Protein backbone atom coordinates (compact mmCIF):
# COMPACT_ATOMS: atom_id res chain seq x y z
CA UNK A 1 -134.57 -47.89 -43.70
CA UNK A 2 -131.31 -48.36 -45.55
CA UNK A 3 -130.45 -51.42 -47.56
CA UNK A 4 -126.94 -52.65 -47.40
CA UNK A 5 -125.79 -54.43 -50.52
CA UNK A 6 -122.76 -56.57 -49.95
CA UNK A 7 -120.63 -57.88 -52.78
CA UNK A 8 -121.67 -61.42 -51.82
CA UNK A 9 -125.40 -60.65 -52.05
CA UNK A 10 -124.90 -58.84 -55.37
CA UNK A 11 -123.01 -61.84 -56.74
CA UNK A 12 -125.79 -64.19 -55.58
CA UNK A 13 -128.43 -61.99 -57.21
CA UNK A 14 -126.54 -61.79 -60.52
CA UNK A 15 -125.90 -65.55 -60.50
CA UNK A 16 -129.62 -66.23 -59.94
CA UNK A 17 -130.60 -63.86 -62.74
CA UNK A 18 -128.05 -65.34 -65.14
CA UNK A 19 -129.21 -68.87 -64.38
CA UNK A 20 -132.86 -67.86 -64.86
CA UNK A 21 -132.06 -66.08 -68.14
CA UNK A 22 -130.07 -69.01 -69.52
CA UNK A 23 -132.84 -71.44 -68.56
CA UNK A 24 -135.49 -69.24 -70.18
CA UNK A 25 -133.45 -68.73 -73.36
CA UNK A 26 -132.62 -72.41 -73.58
CA UNK A 27 -136.31 -73.23 -73.23
CA UNK A 28 -137.27 -70.80 -76.00
CA UNK A 29 -134.48 -72.08 -78.28
CA UNK A 30 -135.45 -75.71 -77.63
CA UNK A 31 -139.08 -74.94 -78.51
CA UNK A 32 -138.01 -73.26 -81.75
CA UNK A 33 -135.69 -76.10 -82.69
CA UNK A 34 -138.42 -78.69 -82.17
CA UNK A 35 -140.43 -77.18 -85.02
CA UNK A 36 -139.96 -78.75 -88.40
CA UNK A 37 -140.39 -76.96 -91.69
CA UNK A 38 -143.81 -78.54 -92.22
CA UNK A 39 -145.00 -77.67 -88.71
CA UNK A 40 -143.95 -74.04 -89.12
CA UNK A 41 -145.65 -73.91 -92.52
CA UNK A 42 -148.83 -75.32 -90.97
CA UNK A 43 -148.75 -72.62 -88.27
CA UNK A 44 -147.95 -69.81 -90.71
CA UNK A 45 -150.64 -67.33 -91.62
CA UNK A 46 -148.94 -66.42 -94.93
CA UNK A 47 -148.23 -69.86 -96.42
CA UNK A 48 -151.68 -71.41 -96.86
CA UNK A 49 -151.24 -71.93 -100.62
CA UNK A 50 -147.76 -73.39 -100.17
CA UNK A 51 -149.10 -75.78 -97.55
CA UNK A 52 -151.90 -76.86 -99.91
CA UNK A 53 -149.32 -77.52 -102.64
CA UNK A 54 -147.04 -79.47 -100.27
CA UNK A 55 -149.97 -81.62 -99.13
CA UNK A 56 -151.25 -82.22 -102.66
CA UNK A 57 -147.73 -83.25 -103.74
CA UNK A 58 -147.43 -85.64 -100.76
CA UNK A 59 -144.32 -83.89 -99.45
CA UNK A 60 -145.46 -83.45 -95.83
CA UNK A 61 -143.40 -86.36 -94.52
CA UNK A 62 -140.32 -85.19 -96.38
CA UNK A 63 -140.52 -81.68 -94.88
CA UNK A 64 -141.16 -83.19 -91.43
CA UNK A 65 -138.09 -85.45 -91.82
CA UNK A 66 -134.50 -84.95 -90.77
CA UNK A 67 -133.35 -82.80 -93.67
CA UNK A 68 -131.67 -80.44 -93.59
CA UNK A 69 -133.56 -78.46 -96.20
CA UNK A 70 -133.61 -74.85 -97.30
CA UNK A 71 -137.09 -73.81 -98.39
CA UNK A 72 -137.67 -70.69 -100.45
CA UNK A 73 -141.29 -70.33 -99.38
CA UNK A 74 -143.56 -68.21 -101.57
CA UNK A 75 -146.04 -66.25 -99.49
CA UNK A 76 -149.73 -66.29 -100.30
CA UNK A 77 -149.15 -62.88 -101.88
CA UNK A 78 -146.61 -64.49 -104.22
CA UNK A 79 -149.17 -67.11 -105.25
CA UNK A 80 -151.72 -64.36 -105.84
CA UNK A 81 -149.47 -63.10 -108.66
CA UNK A 82 -150.20 -66.36 -110.52
CA UNK A 83 -153.51 -66.88 -112.24
CA UNK A 84 -156.11 -68.73 -110.19
CA UNK A 85 -156.69 -71.07 -113.14
CA UNK A 86 -153.02 -72.10 -113.24
CA UNK A 87 -153.01 -72.75 -109.50
CA UNK A 88 -156.21 -74.79 -109.69
CA UNK A 89 -154.82 -76.77 -112.63
CA UNK A 90 -151.59 -77.47 -110.77
CA UNK A 91 -153.48 -78.73 -107.70
CA UNK A 92 -155.53 -81.29 -109.66
CA UNK A 93 -154.68 -84.90 -108.74
CA UNK A 94 -153.77 -85.75 -112.33
CA UNK A 95 -151.06 -83.06 -112.21
CA UNK A 96 -149.36 -84.40 -109.07
CA UNK A 97 -146.05 -85.01 -110.86
CA UNK A 98 -145.88 -81.41 -112.14
CA UNK A 99 -146.90 -80.14 -108.70
CA UNK A 100 -144.15 -82.16 -107.02
CA UNK A 101 -141.64 -80.72 -109.50
CA UNK A 102 -142.98 -77.22 -108.77
CA UNK A 103 -142.73 -77.59 -104.97
CA UNK A 104 -139.29 -79.26 -104.97
CA UNK A 105 -137.99 -76.44 -107.19
CA UNK A 106 -138.41 -74.24 -104.10
CA UNK A 107 -136.26 -76.56 -101.95
CA UNK A 108 -132.48 -76.93 -101.77
CA UNK A 109 -130.78 -79.73 -99.83
CA UNK A 110 -128.77 -78.43 -96.88
CA UNK A 111 -129.11 -75.61 -94.40
CA UNK A 112 -128.39 -72.45 -96.43
CA UNK A 113 -128.71 -69.42 -94.22
CA UNK A 114 -128.62 -65.97 -95.82
CA UNK A 115 -124.98 -65.57 -94.72
CA UNK A 116 -124.04 -68.87 -96.42
CA UNK A 117 -125.77 -67.74 -99.61
CA UNK A 118 -123.93 -64.40 -99.43
CA UNK A 119 -120.58 -66.17 -98.92
CA UNK A 120 -121.30 -68.38 -101.95
CA UNK A 121 -122.09 -65.25 -103.98
CA UNK A 122 -118.79 -63.70 -102.89
CA UNK A 123 -116.91 -66.81 -104.00
CA UNK A 124 -118.89 -66.72 -107.27
CA UNK A 125 -118.03 -63.07 -107.93
CA UNK A 126 -121.57 -61.84 -107.32
CA UNK A 127 -123.69 -64.90 -108.04
CA UNK A 128 -124.24 -68.41 -106.74
CA UNK A 129 -125.91 -71.35 -108.40
CA UNK A 130 -128.19 -73.34 -106.10
CA UNK A 131 -129.24 -76.83 -107.18
CA UNK A 132 -132.80 -77.56 -106.13
CA UNK A 133 -134.13 -80.91 -104.95
CA UNK A 134 -136.06 -80.95 -108.24
CA UNK A 135 -132.71 -81.03 -110.06
CA UNK A 136 -132.61 -77.66 -111.80
CA UNK A 137 -130.76 -74.59 -110.66
CA UNK A 138 -131.60 -71.21 -109.22
CA UNK A 139 -129.27 -68.27 -109.56
CA UNK A 140 -128.77 -66.15 -106.43
CA UNK A 141 -127.61 -62.55 -106.89
CA UNK A 142 -127.91 -59.24 -105.07
CA UNK A 143 -130.11 -56.31 -105.99
CA UNK A 144 -129.30 -53.52 -103.56
CA UNK A 145 -129.64 -55.16 -100.16
CA UNK A 146 -131.90 -57.98 -101.37
CA UNK A 147 -130.93 -61.54 -102.20
CA UNK A 148 -132.68 -62.30 -105.48
CA UNK A 149 -133.37 -65.74 -106.94
CA UNK A 150 -133.76 -66.15 -110.70
CA UNK A 151 -135.32 -69.27 -112.19
CA UNK A 152 -134.48 -70.78 -115.58
CA UNK A 153 -137.10 -68.57 -117.29
CA UNK A 154 -135.78 -65.31 -115.84
CA UNK A 155 -138.52 -64.98 -113.21
CA UNK A 156 -137.24 -63.18 -110.12
CA UNK A 157 -138.11 -63.69 -106.45
CA UNK A 158 -136.73 -61.61 -103.59
CA UNK A 159 -136.10 -63.01 -100.16
CA UNK A 160 -138.30 -60.82 -97.97
CA UNK A 161 -137.73 -62.62 -94.68
CA UNK A 162 -134.61 -64.72 -94.17
CA UNK A 163 -133.37 -67.35 -91.76
CA UNK A 164 -136.39 -68.82 -90.04
CA UNK A 165 -134.40 -71.67 -88.49
CA UNK A 166 -136.18 -74.97 -87.93
CA UNK A 167 -135.09 -78.30 -86.51
CA UNK A 168 -134.61 -79.68 -90.01
CA UNK A 169 -133.45 -76.65 -91.96
CA UNK A 170 -134.25 -73.05 -92.72
CA UNK A 171 -137.11 -71.16 -94.38
CA UNK A 172 -136.69 -67.99 -96.43
CA UNK A 173 -139.91 -66.21 -97.44
CA UNK A 174 -139.94 -65.05 -101.07
CA UNK A 175 -142.21 -62.54 -102.81
CA UNK A 176 -142.78 -64.43 -106.08
CA UNK A 177 -143.21 -67.98 -107.27
CA UNK A 178 -140.28 -69.48 -109.17
CA UNK A 179 -140.90 -72.01 -111.91
CA UNK A 180 -139.05 -75.17 -112.98
CA UNK A 181 -140.95 -75.18 -116.31
CA UNK A 182 -143.59 -73.16 -118.09
CA UNK A 183 -147.01 -73.56 -116.50
């Protein structure tokens, strides 16, 4: 049996497929954009320590709010580079102010995608200064193909996974913890 494909039936088939694809993609994009930074952090398997710090600093509501925020999110592996004693000390209730300073040093107001950071570095002749919510600055530079952040003590963190877009900003995973002051 032969099938006869007419231009009209081909057009109908392509239109149906395109409509289905657009609906499916829109659904996926809407689901992604409904996630806030805090919700994504809660669902992450590599940000358990960061989540504990955010909760202990009472910053959950802030990172669930409108934003936009750019979070340079240290992975659990990044926290493992710190001593367990320093982490435990930081998480004590009496150190809440220092913990809040620590967490907000990893956050910049605005939605800074990797391309926006790169453009700022181009305008800055190879570097860009990013003011954190905490009030101090991070220096963004390139090392090979990596965007590197340097804190005020010369500690370096590489962005290992960029541009996890959320409804209230963007998350960039970093491989080291950056510090607003000596811990």
